[in-house]
Amino acid sequence: MEFEVKPLDSQTALVALTGRLDTVGVDQIEIKFNAAVVAPGHHALVDLSQVSFMSSMGMRMLITAARSLQGRHRKLVLFSAQPLVAELLDTTAIDQIIPVASDLTAAVSVLSA
């Protein structure tokens, strides 16, 4: 599992995840992910287009980050999930906790809502 963080603007980070967000993947990136995404206190738009699988551990990592950002009045938004991951997000109703968008444009619009 890998991730890359790029600033979208002064208040928003674009985070691209690549690989399997399972127990092994989460173990590989969770501390670095939180340091890069949560610690700065910016909004985070998380691109899931290169995530081939997500387990409950991956969901936990994202929910924890989203709640941490929410405490700072910031949002974490997921977008561009592949079909298998999108089905998991839909089945678990994660959108009740974390906004889920179809693409980057829709994810950006969630921030202004």
PDB file of N, CA and C in Angstrom:
ATOM      1  N   MET A   1       0.848  -1.176   0.000  1.00  0.00           N
ATOM      2  CA  MET A   1       0.000   0.000   0.000  1.00  0.00           C
ATOM      3  C   MET A   1       0.886   1.229   0.000  1.00  0.00           C
ATOM      4  N   GLU A   2       0.517   2.185  -0.832  1.00  0.00           N
ATOM      5  CA  GLU A   2       1.243   3.445  -0.909  1.00  0.00           C
ATOM      6  C   GLU A   2       0.242   4.591  -0.949  1.00  0.00           C
ATOM      7  N   PHE A   3       0.737   5.776  -0.639  1.00  0.00           N
ATOM      8  CA  PHE A   3      -0.092   6.959  -0.786  1.00  0.00           C
ATOM      9  C   PHE A   3       0.792   8.143  -1.119  1.00  0.00           C
ATOM     10  N   GLU A   4       0.172   9.121  -1.752  1.00  0.00           N
ATOM     11  CA  GLU A   4       0.860  10.358  -2.104  1.00  0.00           C
ATOM     12  C   GLU A   4      -0.061  11.511  -1.762  1.00  0.00           C
ATOM     13  N   VAL A   5       0.489  12.538  -1.149  1.00  0.00           N
ATOM     14  CA  VAL A   5      -0.284  13.718  -0.768  1.00  0.00           C
ATOM     15  C   VAL A   5       0.234  14.907  -1.561  1.00  0.00           C
ATOM     16  N   LYS A   6      -0.701  15.606  -2.206  1.00  0.00           N
ATOM     17  CA  LYS A   6      -0.366  16.822  -2.943  1.00  0.00           C
ATOM     18  C   LYS A   6      -1.315  17.921  -2.496  1.00  0.00           C
ATOM     19  N   PRO A   7      -0.808  19.131  -2.321  1.00  0.00           N
ATOM     20  CA  PRO A   7      -1.721  20.229  -1.985  1.00  0.00           C
ATOM     21  C   PRO A   7      -2.600  20.571  -3.192  1.00  0.00           C
ATOM     22  N   LEU A   8      -3.881  20.699  -2.950  1.00  0.00           N
ATOM     23  CA  LEU A   8      -4.804  21.144  -3.992  1.00  0.00           C
ATOM     24  C   LEU A   8      -4.925  22.657  -3.931  1.00  0.00           C
ATOM     25  N   ASP A   9      -4.959  23.172  -2.705  1.00  0.00           N
ATOM     26  CA  ASP A   9      -4.899  24.607  -2.430  1.00  0.00           C
ATOM     27  C   ASP A   9      -4.401  24.763  -0.999  1.00  0.00           C
ATOM     28  N   SER A  10      -4.457  25.959  -0.452  1.00  0.00           N
ATOM     29  CA  SER A  10      -3.874  26.185   0.877  1.00  0.00           C
ATOM     30  C   SER A  10      -4.625  25.482   2.007  1.00  0.00           C
ATOM     31  N   GLN A  11      -5.852  25.057   1.754  1.00  0.00           N
ATOM     32  CA  GLN A  11      -6.665  24.417   2.790  1.00  0.00           C
ATOM     33  C   GLN A  11      -7.015  22.962   2.499  1.00  0.00           C
ATOM     34  N   THR A  12      -6.569  22.435   1.349  1.00  0.00           N
ATOM     35  CA  THR A  12      -7.019  21.115   0.915  1.00  0.00           C
ATOM     36  C   THR A  12      -5.867  20.287   0.369  1.00  0.00           C
ATOM     37  N   ALA A  13      -5.813  19.035   0.829  1.00  0.00           N
ATOM     38  CA  ALA A  13      -4.821  18.087   0.329  1.00  0.00           C
ATOM     39  C   ALA A  13      -5.512  17.026  -0.522  1.00  0.00           C
ATOM     40  N   LEU A  14      -4.877  16.657  -1.617  1.00  0.00           N
ATOM     41  CA  LEU A  14      -5.340  15.570  -2.478  1.00  0.00           C
ATOM     42  C   LEU A  14      -4.494  14.358  -2.136  1.00  0.00           C
ATOM     43  N   VAL A  15      -5.147  13.272  -1.715  1.00  0.00           N
ATOM     44  CA  VAL A  15      -4.446  12.074  -1.264  1.00  0.00           C
ATOM     45  C   VAL A  15      -4.775  10.930  -2.216  1.00  0.00           C
ATOM     46  N   ALA A  16      -3.765  10.380  -2.873  1.00  0.00           N
ATOM     47  CA  ALA A  16      -3.956   9.252  -3.785  1.00  0.00           C
ATOM     48  C   ALA A  16      -3.456   7.984  -3.108  1.00  0.00           C
ATOM     49  N   LEU A  17      -4.370   7.043  -2.889  1.00  0.00           N
ATOM     50  CA  LEU A  17      -4.016   5.754  -2.313  1.00  0.00           C
ATOM     51  C   LEU A  17      -3.843   4.741  -3.437  1.00  0.00           C
ATOM     52  N   THR A  18      -2.876   3.839  -3.297  1.00  0.00           N
ATOM     53  CA  THR A  18      -2.618   2.819  -4.305  1.00  0.00           C
ATOM     54  C   THR A  18      -2.363   1.487  -3.619  1.00  0.00           C
ATOM     55  N   GLY A  19      -3.112   0.454  -4.036  1.00  0.00           N
ATOM     56  CA  GLY A  19      -2.904  -0.891  -3.505  1.00  0.00           C
ATOM     57  C   GLY A  19      -4.116  -1.430  -2.786  1.00  0.00           C
ATOM     58  N   ARG A  20      -3.856  -2.318  -1.847  1.00  0.00           N
ATOM     59  CA  ARG A  20      -4.915  -2.966  -1.059  1.00  0.00           C
ATOM     60  C   ARG A  20      -4.961  -2.333   0.326  1.00  0.00           C
ATOM     61  N   LEU A  21      -6.116  -1.835   0.679  1.00  0.00           N
ATOM     62  CA  LEU A  21      -6.297  -1.221   1.993  1.00  0.00           C
ATOM     63  C   LEU A  21      -6.855  -2.291   2.930  1.00  0.00           C
ATOM     64  N   ASP A  22      -6.017  -3.288   3.189  1.00  0.00           N
ATOM     65  CA  ASP A  22      -6.355  -4.379   4.089  1.00  0.00           C
ATOM     66  C   ASP A  22      -5.460  -4.283   5.321  1.00  0.00           C
ATOM     67  N   THR A  23      -5.423  -5.319   6.144  1.00  0.00           N
ATOM     68  CA  THR A  23      -4.634  -5.260   7.373  1.00  0.00           C
ATOM     69  C   THR A  23      -3.167  -4.947   7.094  1.00  0.00           C
ATOM     70  N   VAL A  24      -2.591  -5.631   6.127  1.00  0.00           N
ATOM     71  CA  VAL A  24      -1.181  -5.402   5.793  1.00  0.00           C
ATOM     72  C   VAL A  24      -0.984  -3.992   5.253  1.00  0.00           C
ATOM     73  N   GLY A  25      -1.866  -3.565   4.351  1.00  0.00           N
ATOM     74  CA  GLY A  25      -1.763  -2.225   3.776  1.00  0.00           C
ATOM     75  C   GLY A  25      -1.896  -1.132   4.817  1.00  0.00           C
ATOM     76  N   VAL A  26      -2.858  -1.285   5.717  1.00  0.00           N
ATOM     77  CA  VAL A  26      -3.058  -0.294   6.780  1.00  0.00           C
ATOM     78  C   VAL A  26      -1.826  -0.246   7.684  1.00  0.00           C
ATOM     79  N   ASP A  27      -1.290  -1.423   8.037  1.00  0.00           N
ATOM     80  CA  ASP A  27      -0.079  -1.455   8.857  1.00  0.00           C
ATOM     81  C   ASP A  27       1.072  -0.702   8.193  1.00  0.00           C
ATOM     82  N   GLN A  28       1.142  -0.763   6.870  1.00  0.00           N
ATOM     83  CA  GLN A  28       2.224  -0.111   6.138  1.00  0.00           C
ATOM     84  C   GLN A  28       2.113   1.411   6.129  1.00  0.00           C
ATOM     85  N   ILE A  29       0.885   1.939   6.132  1.00  0.00           N
ATOM     86  CA  ILE A  29       0.747   3.387   5.915  1.00  0.00           C
ATOM     87  C   ILE A  29       0.056   4.179   7.019  1.00  0.00           C
ATOM     88  N   GLU A  30      -0.595   3.548   7.956  1.00  0.00           N
ATOM     89  CA  GLU A  30      -1.474   4.294   8.865  1.00  0.00           C
ATOM     90  C   GLU A  30      -0.780   5.439   9.611  1.00  0.00           C
ATOM     91  N   ILE A  31       0.355   5.196  10.193  1.00  0.00           N
ATOM     92  CA  ILE A  31       1.033   6.254  10.956  1.00  0.00           C
ATOM     93  C   ILE A  31       1.448   7.395  10.034  1.00  0.00           C
ATOM     94  N   LYS A  32       2.032   7.055   8.900  1.00  0.00           N
ATOM     95  CA  LYS A  32       2.457   8.079   7.936  1.00  0.00           C
ATOM     96  C   LYS A  32       1.245   8.803   7.343  1.00  0.00           C
ATOM     97  N   PHE A  33       0.160   8.056   7.088  1.00  0.00           N
ATOM     98  CA  PHE A  33      -1.065   8.650   6.551  1.00  0.00           C
ATOM     99  C   PHE A  33      -1.600   9.700   7.524  1.00  0.00           C
ATOM    100  N   ASN A  34      -1.702   9.342   8.795  1.00  0.00           N
ATOM    101  CA  ASN A  34      -2.211  10.289   9.793  1.00  0.00           C
ATOM    102  C   ASN A  34      -1.299  11.494   9.952  1.00  0.00           C
ATOM    103  N   ALA A  35       0.006  11.272   9.902  1.00  0.00           N
ATOM    104  CA  ALA A  35       0.950  12.386  10.009  1.00  0.00           C
ATOM    105  C   ALA A  35       0.826  13.332   8.817  1.00  0.00           C
ATOM    106  N   ALA A  36       0.593  12.785   7.634  1.00  0.00           N
ATOM    107  CA  ALA A  36       0.532  13.607   6.421  1.00  0.00           C
ATOM    108  C   ALA A  36      -0.844  14.205   6.173  1.00  0.00           C
ATOM    109  N   VAL A  37      -1.884  13.520   6.616  1.00  0.00           N
ATOM    110  CA  VAL A  37      -3.246  13.945   6.282  1.00  0.00           C
ATOM    111  C   VAL A  37      -3.955  14.612   7.462  1.00  0.00           C
ATOM    112  N   VAL A  38      -3.879  14.018   8.626  1.00  0.00           N
ATOM    113  CA  VAL A  38      -4.617  14.533   9.782  1.00  0.00           C
ATOM    114  C   VAL A  38      -3.856  15.655  10.491  1.00  0.00           C
ATOM    115  N   ALA A  39      -2.581  15.446  10.730  1.00  0.00           N
ATOM    116  CA  ALA A  39      -1.796  16.410  11.511  1.00  0.00           C
ATOM    117  C   ALA A  39      -1.826  17.834  10.962  1.00  0.00           C
ATOM    118  N   PRO A  40      -1.711  18.045   9.633  1.00  0.00           N
ATOM    119  CA  PRO A  40      -1.743  19.427   9.133  1.00  0.00           C
ATOM    120  C   PRO A  40      -3.098  20.114   9.309  1.00  0.00           C
ATOM    121  N   GLY A  41      -4.169  19.338   9.479  1.00  0.00           N
ATOM    122  CA  GLY A  41      -5.477  19.927   9.716  1.00  0.00           C
ATOM    123  C   GLY A  41      -6.124  20.551   8.498  1.00  0.00           C
ATOM    124  N   HIS A  42      -5.801  20.052   7.316  1.00  0.00           N
ATOM    125  CA  HIS A  42      -6.436  20.519   6.083  1.00  0.00           C
ATOM    126  C   HIS A  42      -7.575  19.583   5.704  1.00  0.00           C
ATOM    127  N   HIS A  43      -8.460  20.034   4.817  1.00  0.00           N
ATOM    128  CA  HIS A  43      -9.423  19.120   4.215  1.00  0.00           C
ATOM    129  C   HIS A  43      -8.623  18.082   3.441  1.00  0.00           C
ATOM    130  N   ALA A  44      -9.161  16.849   3.336  1.00  0.00           N
ATOM    131  CA  ALA A  44      -8.475  15.794   2.593  1.00  0.00           C
ATOM    132  C   ALA A  44      -9.438  15.154   1.606  1.00  0.00           C
ATOM    133  N   LEU A  45      -9.069  15.192   0.341  1.00  0.00           N
ATOM    134  CA  LEU A  45      -9.825  14.523  -0.705  1.00  0.00           C
ATOM    135  C   LEU A  45      -9.057  13.255  -1.051  1.00  0.00           C
ATOM    136  N   VAL A  46      -9.657  12.102  -0.775  1.00  0.00           N
ATOM    137  CA  VAL A  46      -8.953  10.823  -0.893  1.00  0.00           C
ATOM    138  C   VAL A  46      -9.398  10.092  -2.154  1.00  0.00           C
ATOM    139  N   ASP A  47      -8.454   9.952  -3.088  1.00  0.00           N
ATOM    140  CA  ASP A  47      -8.680   9.283  -4.370  1.00  0.00           C
ATOM    141  C   ASP A  47      -8.522   7.776  -4.171  1.00  0.00           C
ATOM    142  N   LEU A  48      -9.619   7.034  -4.367  1.00  0.00           N
ATOM    143  CA  LEU A  48      -9.614   5.583  -4.205  1.00  0.00           C
ATOM    144  C   LEU A  48      -9.529   4.845  -5.538  1.00  0.00           C
ATOM    145  N   SER A  49      -9.264   5.543  -6.627  1.00  0.00           N
ATOM    146  CA  SER A  49      -9.293   4.914  -7.951  1.00  0.00           C
ATOM    147  C   SER A  49      -8.255   3.811  -8.124  1.00  0.00           C
ATOM    148  N   GLN A  50      -7.194   3.829  -7.340  1.00  0.00           N
ATOM    149  CA  GLN A  50      -6.161   2.794  -7.443  1.00  0.00           C
ATOM    150  C   GLN A  50      -6.170   1.829  -6.250  1.00  0.00           C
ATOM    151  N   VAL A  51      -7.250   1.842  -5.485  1.00  0.00           N
ATOM    152  CA  VAL A  51      -7.408   0.899  -4.370  1.00  0.00           C
ATOM    153  C   VAL A  51      -8.223  -0.279  -4.884  1.00  0.00           C
ATOM    154  N   SER A  52      -7.593  -1.443  -4.944  1.00  0.00           N
ATOM    155  CA  SER A  52      -8.244  -2.624  -5.515  1.00  0.00           C
ATOM    156  C   SER A  52      -9.084  -3.395  -4.504  1.00  0.00           C
ATOM    157  N   PHE A  53      -8.824  -3.192  -3.214  1.00  0.00           N
ATOM    158  CA  PHE A  53      -9.543  -3.919  -2.162  1.00  0.00           C
ATOM    159  C   PHE A  53      -9.493  -3.101  -0.886  1.00  0.00           C
ATOM    160  N   MET A  54     -10.587  -3.152  -0.115  1.00  0.00           N
ATOM    161  CA  MET A  54     -10.612  -2.483   1.181  1.00  0.00           C
ATOM    162  C   MET A  54     -11.285  -3.408   2.185  1.00  0.00           C
ATOM    163  N   SER A  55     -10.635  -3.600   3.321  1.00  0.00           N
ATOM    164  CA  SER A  55     -11.193  -4.412   4.400  1.00  0.00           C
ATOM    165  C   SER A  55     -11.728  -3.488   5.493  1.00  0.00           C
ATOM    166  N   SER A  56     -12.222  -4.099   6.547  1.00  0.00           N
ATOM    167  CA  SER A  56     -12.714  -3.312   7.685  1.00  0.00           C
ATOM    168  C   SER A  56     -11.594  -2.498   8.320  1.00  0.00           C
ATOM    169  N   MET A  57     -10.367  -2.988   8.252  1.00  0.00           N
ATOM    170  CA  MET A  57      -9.236  -2.224   8.797  1.00  0.00           C
ATOM    171  C   MET A  57      -9.019  -0.940   7.995  1.00  0.00           C
ATOM    172  N   GLY A  58      -9.162  -1.014   6.692  1.00  0.00           N
ATOM    173  CA  GLY A  58      -9.049   0.171   5.854  1.00  0.00           C
ATOM    174  C   GLY A  58     -10.147   1.166   6.157  1.00  0.00           C
ATOM    175  N   MET A  59     -11.359   0.650   6.333  1.00  0.00           N
ATOM    176  CA  MET A  59     -12.480   1.527   6.676  1.00  0.00           C
ATOM    177  C   MET A  59     -12.234   2.196   8.025  1.00  0.00           C
ATOM    178  N   ARG A  60     -11.715   1.437   8.980  1.00  0.00           N
ATOM    179  CA  ARG A  60     -11.436   1.995  10.306  1.00  0.00           C
ATOM    180  C   ARG A  60     -10.422   3.130  10.217  1.00  0.00           C
ATOM    181  N   MET A  61      -9.366   2.928   9.426  1.00  0.00           N
ATOM    182  CA  MET A  61      -8.350   3.963   9.277  1.00  0.00           C
ATOM    183  C   MET A  61      -8.963   5.244   8.713  1.00  0.00           C
ATOM    184  N   LEU A  62      -9.796   5.105   7.684  1.00  0.00           N
ATOM    185  CA  LEU A  62     -10.412   6.283   7.061  1.00  0.00           C
ATOM    186  C   LEU A  62     -11.410   6.959   7.990  1.00  0.00           C
ATOM    187  N   ILE A  63     -12.206   6.171   8.710  1.00  0.00           N
ATOM    188  CA  ILE A  63     -13.181   6.739   9.648  1.00  0.00           C
ATOM    189  C   ILE A  63     -12.463   7.479  10.780  1.00  0.00           C
ATOM    190  N   THR A  64     -11.400   6.897  11.298  1.00  0.00           N
ATOM    191  CA  THR A  64     -10.631   7.542  12.363  1.00  0.00           C
ATOM    192  C   THR A  64     -10.060   8.872  11.885  1.00  0.00           C
ATOM    193  N   ALA A  65      -9.497   8.880  10.685  1.00  0.00           N
ATOM    194  CA  ALA A  65      -8.946  10.121  10.131  1.00  0.00           C
ATOM    195  C   ALA A  65     -10.045  11.155   9.922  1.00  0.00           C
ATOM    196  N   ALA A  66     -11.187  10.707   9.388  1.00  0.00           N
ATOM    197  CA  ALA A  66     -12.306  11.633   9.143  1.00  0.00           C
ATOM    198  C   ALA A  66     -12.806  12.254  10.441  1.00  0.00           C
ATOM    199  N   ARG A  67     -12.916  11.452  11.473  1.00  0.00           N
ATOM    200  CA  ARG A  67     -13.389  11.978  12.760  1.00  0.00           C
ATOM    201  C   ARG A  67     -12.376  12.941  13.374  1.00  0.00           C
ATOM    202  N   SER A  68     -11.101  12.641  13.217  1.00  0.00           N
ATOM    203  CA  SER A  68     -10.061  13.546  13.723  1.00  0.00           C
ATOM    204  C   SER A  68     -10.136  14.889  13.006  1.00  0.00           C
ATOM    205  N   LEU A  69     -10.306  14.847  11.699  1.00  0.00           N
ATOM    206  CA  LEU A  69     -10.422  16.094  10.934  1.00  0.00           C
ATOM    207  C   LEU A  69     -11.710  16.831  11.286  1.00  0.00           C
ATOM    208  N   GLN A  70     -12.789  16.089  11.474  1.00  0.00           N
ATOM    209  CA  GLN A  70     -14.066  16.709  11.825  1.00  0.00           C
ATOM    210  C   GLN A  70     -13.938  17.496  13.126  1.00  0.00           C
ATOM    211  N   GLY A  71     -13.150  16.985  14.061  1.00  0.00           N
ATOM    212  CA  GLY A  71     -12.917  17.686  15.321  1.00  0.00           C
ATOM    213  C   GLY A  71     -12.203  19.018  15.114  1.00  0.00           C
ATOM    214  N   ARG A  72     -11.564  19.172  13.968  1.00  0.00           N
ATOM    215  CA  ARG A  72     -10.870  20.423  13.622  1.00  0.00           C
ATOM    216  C   ARG A  72     -11.672  21.223  12.591  1.00  0.00           C
ATOM    217  N   HIS A  73     -12.934  20.854  12.400  1.00  0.00           N
ATOM    218  CA  HIS A  73     -13.828  21.512  11.448  1.00  0.00           C
ATOM    219  C   HIS A  73     -13.320  21.386  10.014  1.00  0.00           C
ATOM    220  N   ARG A  74     -12.775  20.222   9.708  1.00  0.00           N
ATOM    221  CA  ARG A  74     -12.298  19.892   8.367  1.00  0.00           C
ATOM    222  C   ARG A  74     -12.990  18.620   7.904  1.00  0.00           C
ATOM    223  N   LYS A  75     -12.961  18.380   6.601  1.00  0.00           N
ATOM    224  CA  LYS A  75     -13.620  17.203   6.043  1.00  0.00           C
ATOM    225  C   LYS A  75     -12.632  16.296   5.332  1.00  0.00           C
ATOM    226  N   LEU A  76     -12.927  15.005   5.391  1.00  0.00           N
ATOM    227  CA  LEU A  76     -12.264  14.010   4.566  1.00  0.00           C
ATOM    228  C   LEU A  76     -13.336  13.514   3.615  1.00  0.00           C
ATOM    229  N   VAL A  77     -13.055  13.520   2.328  1.00  0.00           N
ATOM    230  CA  VAL A  77     -14.018  13.092   1.310  1.00  0.00           C
ATOM    231  C   VAL A  77     -13.373  12.000   0.469  1.00  0.00           C
ATOM    232  N   LEU A  78     -14.081  10.898   0.288  1.00  0.00           N
ATOM    233  CA  LEU A  78     -13.614   9.799  -0.553  1.00  0.00           C
ATOM    234  C   LEU A  78     -14.184   9.982  -1.955  1.00  0.00           C
ATOM    235  N   PHE A  79     -13.394   9.626  -2.982  1.00  0.00           N
ATOM    236  CA  PHE A  79     -13.924   9.724  -4.341  1.00  0.00           C
ATOM    237  C   PHE A  79     -13.258   8.730  -5.282  1.00  0.00           C
ATOM    238  N   SER A  80     -13.928   8.470  -6.399  1.00  0.00           N
ATOM    239  CA  SER A  80     -13.455   7.624  -7.494  1.00  0.00           C
ATOM    240  C   SER A  80     -13.135   6.192  -7.087  1.00  0.00           C
ATOM    241  N   ALA A  81     -13.981   5.601  -6.259  1.00  0.00           N
ATOM    242  CA  ALA A  81     -13.761   4.211  -5.846  1.00  0.00           C
ATOM    243  C   ALA A  81     -14.025   3.249  -6.999  1.00  0.00           C
ATOM    244  N   GLN A  82     -13.187   2.222  -7.113  1.00  0.00           N
ATOM    245  CA  GLN A  82     -13.410   1.154  -8.079  1.00  0.00           C
ATOM    246  C   GLN A  82     -14.678   0.398  -7.681  1.00  0.00           C
ATOM    247  N   PRO A  83     -15.286  -0.336  -8.614  1.00  0.00           N
ATOM    248  CA  PRO A  83     -16.566  -1.005  -8.331  1.00  0.00           C
ATOM    249  C   PRO A  83     -16.598  -1.858  -7.059  1.00  0.00           C
ATOM    250  N   LEU A  84     -15.590  -2.685  -6.822  1.00  0.00           N
ATOM    251  CA  LEU A  84     -15.585  -3.532  -5.628  1.00  0.00           C
ATOM    252  C   LEU A  84     -15.549  -2.691  -4.354  1.00  0.00           C
ATOM    253  N   VAL A  85     -14.711  -1.665  -4.346  1.00  0.00           N
ATOM    254  CA  VAL A  85     -14.597  -0.784  -3.182  1.00  0.00           C
ATOM    255  C   VAL A  85     -15.861   0.067  -3.039  1.00  0.00           C
ATOM    256  N   ALA A  86     -16.398   0.537  -4.167  1.00  0.00           N
ATOM    257  CA  ALA A  86     -17.625   1.339  -4.131  1.00  0.00           C
ATOM    258  C   ALA A  86     -18.788   0.526  -3.558  1.00  0.00           C
ATOM    259  N   GLU A  87     -18.854  -0.742  -3.912  1.00  0.00           N
ATOM    260  CA  GLU A  87     -19.913  -1.610  -3.380  1.00  0.00           C
ATOM    261  C   GLU A  87     -19.778  -1.750  -1.868  1.00  0.00           C
ATOM    262  N   LEU A  88     -18.559  -1.912  -1.380  1.00  0.00           N
ATOM    263  CA  LEU A  88     -18.323  -1.999   0.061  1.00  0.00           C
ATOM    264  C   LEU A  88     -18.748  -0.707   0.751  1.00  0.00           C
ATOM    265  N   LEU A  89     -18.352   0.426   0.198  1.00  0.00           N
ATOM    266  CA  LEU A  89     -18.722   1.710   0.788  1.00  0.00           C
ATOM    267  C   LEU A  89     -20.236   1.878   0.836  1.00  0.00           C
ATOM    268  N   ASP A  90     -20.908   1.456  -0.226  1.00  0.00           N
ATOM    269  CA  ASP A  90     -22.362   1.560  -0.290  1.00  0.00           C
ATOM    270  C   ASP A  90     -23.030   0.613   0.704  1.00  0.00           C
ATOM    271  N   THR A  91     -22.568  -0.633   0.738  1.00  0.00           N
ATOM    272  CA  THR A  91     -23.153  -1.646   1.620  1.00  0.00           C
ATOM    273  C   THR A  91     -23.031  -1.262   3.084  1.00  0.00           C
ATOM    274  N   THR A  92     -21.915  -0.674   3.444  1.00  0.00           N
ATOM    275  CA  THR A  92     -21.683  -0.314   4.845  1.00  0.00           C
ATOM    276  C   THR A  92     -22.227   1.063   5.207  1.00  0.00           C
ATOM    277  N   ALA A  93     -22.764   1.768   4.214  1.00  0.00           N
ATOM    278  CA  ALA A  93     -23.318   3.116   4.434  1.00  0.00           C
ATOM    279  C   ALA A  93     -22.293   4.044   5.077  1.00  0.00           C
ATOM    280  N   ILE A  94     -21.052   3.926   4.650  1.00  0.00           N
ATOM    281  CA  ILE A  94     -19.989   4.773   5.193  1.00  0.00           C
ATOM    282  C   ILE A  94     -20.254   6.250   4.906  1.00  0.00           C
ATOM    283  N   ASP A  95     -21.082   6.521   3.891  1.00  0.00           N
ATOM    284  CA  ASP A  95     -21.385   7.912   3.559  1.00  0.00           C
ATOM    285  C   ASP A  95     -22.167   8.619   4.670  1.00  0.00           C
ATOM    286  N   GLN A  96     -22.622   7.866   5.663  1.00  0.00           N
ATOM    287  CA  GLN A  96     -23.250   8.481   6.828  1.00  0.00           C
ATOM    288  C   GLN A  96     -22.201   9.117   7.744  1.00  0.00           C
ATOM    289  N   ILE A  97     -20.941   8.700   7.551  1.00  0.00           N
ATOM    290  CA  ILE A  97     -19.839   9.200   8.375  1.00  0.00           C
ATOM    291  C   ILE A  97     -18.869  10.037   7.550  1.00  0.00           C
ATOM    292  N   ILE A  98     -18.550   9.542   6.348  1.00  0.00           N
ATOM    293  CA  ILE A  98     -17.584  10.189   5.462  1.00  0.00           C
ATOM    294  C   ILE A  98     -18.266  10.468   4.131  1.00  0.00           C
ATOM    295  N   PRO A  99     -18.230  11.696   3.643  1.00  0.00           N
ATOM    296  CA  PRO A  99     -18.805  11.965   2.329  1.00  0.00           C
ATOM    297  C   PRO A  99     -18.092  11.148   1.246  1.00  0.00           C
ATOM    298  N   VAL A 100     -18.886  10.619   0.305  1.00  0.00           N
ATOM    299  CA  VAL A 100     -18.359   9.838  -0.812  1.00  0.00           C
ATOM    300  C   VAL A 100     -18.826  10.510  -2.097  1.00  0.00           C
ATOM    301  N   ALA A 101     -17.882  10.784  -2.995  1.00  0.00           N
ATOM    302  CA  ALA A 101     -18.196  11.458  -4.256  1.00  0.00           C
ATOM    303  C   ALA A 101     -17.742  10.593  -5.432  1.00  0.00           C
ATOM    304  N   SER A 102     -18.326  10.865  -6.574  1.00  0.00           N
ATOM    305  CA  SER A 102     -18.012  10.073  -7.769  1.00  0.00           C
ATOM    306  C   SER A 102     -16.660  10.430  -8.379  1.00  0.00           C
ATOM    307  N   ASP A 103     -16.273  11.693  -8.291  1.00  0.00           N
ATOM    308  CA  ASP A 103     -15.014  12.129  -8.900  1.00  0.00           C
ATOM    309  C   ASP A 103     -14.462  13.347  -8.154  1.00  0.00           C
ATOM    310  N   LEU A 104     -13.330  13.828  -8.606  1.00  0.00           N
ATOM    311  CA  LEU A 104     -12.675  14.951  -7.916  1.00  0.00           C
ATOM    312  C   LEU A 104     -13.540  16.199  -7.910  1.00  0.00           C
ATOM    313  N   THR A 105     -14.185  16.514  -9.017  1.00  0.00           N
ATOM    314  CA  THR A 105     -15.037  17.701  -9.079  1.00  0.00           C
ATOM    315  C   THR A 105     -16.151  17.643  -8.045  1.00  0.00           C
ATOM    316  N   ALA A 106     -16.788  16.471  -7.948  1.00  0.00           N
ATOM    317  CA  ALA A 106     -17.859  16.295  -6.956  1.00  0.00           C
ATOM    318  C   ALA A 106     -17.306  16.348  -5.534  1.00  0.00           C
ATOM    319  N   ALA A 107     -16.108  15.804  -5.336  1.00  0.00           N
ATOM    320  CA  ALA A 107     -15.479  15.831  -4.009  1.00  0.00           C
ATOM    321  C   ALA A 107     -15.189  17.259  -3.576  1.00  0.00           C
ATOM    322  N   VAL A 108     -14.674  18.071  -4.491  1.00  0.00           N
ATOM    323  CA  VAL A 108     -14.405  19.488  -4.188  1.00  0.00           C
ATOM    324  C   VAL A 108     -15.699  20.208  -3.828  1.00  0.00           C
ATOM    325  N   SER A 109     -16.779  19.904  -4.534  1.00  0.00           N
ATOM    326  CA  SER A 109     -18.052  20.573  -4.250  1.00  0.00           C
ATOM    327  C   SER A 109     -18.612  20.206  -2.876  1.00  0.00           C
ATOM    328  N   VAL A 110     -18.260  19.026  -2.366  1.00  0.00           N
ATOM    329  CA  VAL A 110     -18.693  18.624  -1.030  1.00  0.00           C
ATOM    330  C   VAL A 110     -18.106  19.570   0.019  1.00  0.00           C
ATOM    331  N   LEU A 111     -16.919  20.068  -0.212  1.00  0.00           N
ATOM    332  CA  LEU A 111     -16.272  20.959   0.754  1.00  0.00           C
ATOM    333  C   LEU A 111     -17.001  22.261   0.929  1.00  0.00           C
ATOM    334  N   SER A 112     -17.658  22.727  -0.126  1.00  0.00           N
ATOM    335  CA  SER A 112     -18.361  23.997  -0.049  1.00  0.00           C
ATOM    336  C   SER A 112     -19.807  23.850   0.429  1.00  0.00           C
ATOM    337  N   ALA A 113     -20.230  22.619   0.626  1.00  0.00           N
ATOM    338  CA  ALA A 113     -21.624  22.381   1.070  1.00  0.00           C
ATOM    339  C   ALA A 113     -21.761  22.551   2.559  1.00  0.00           C
TER     340      ALA A 113
END
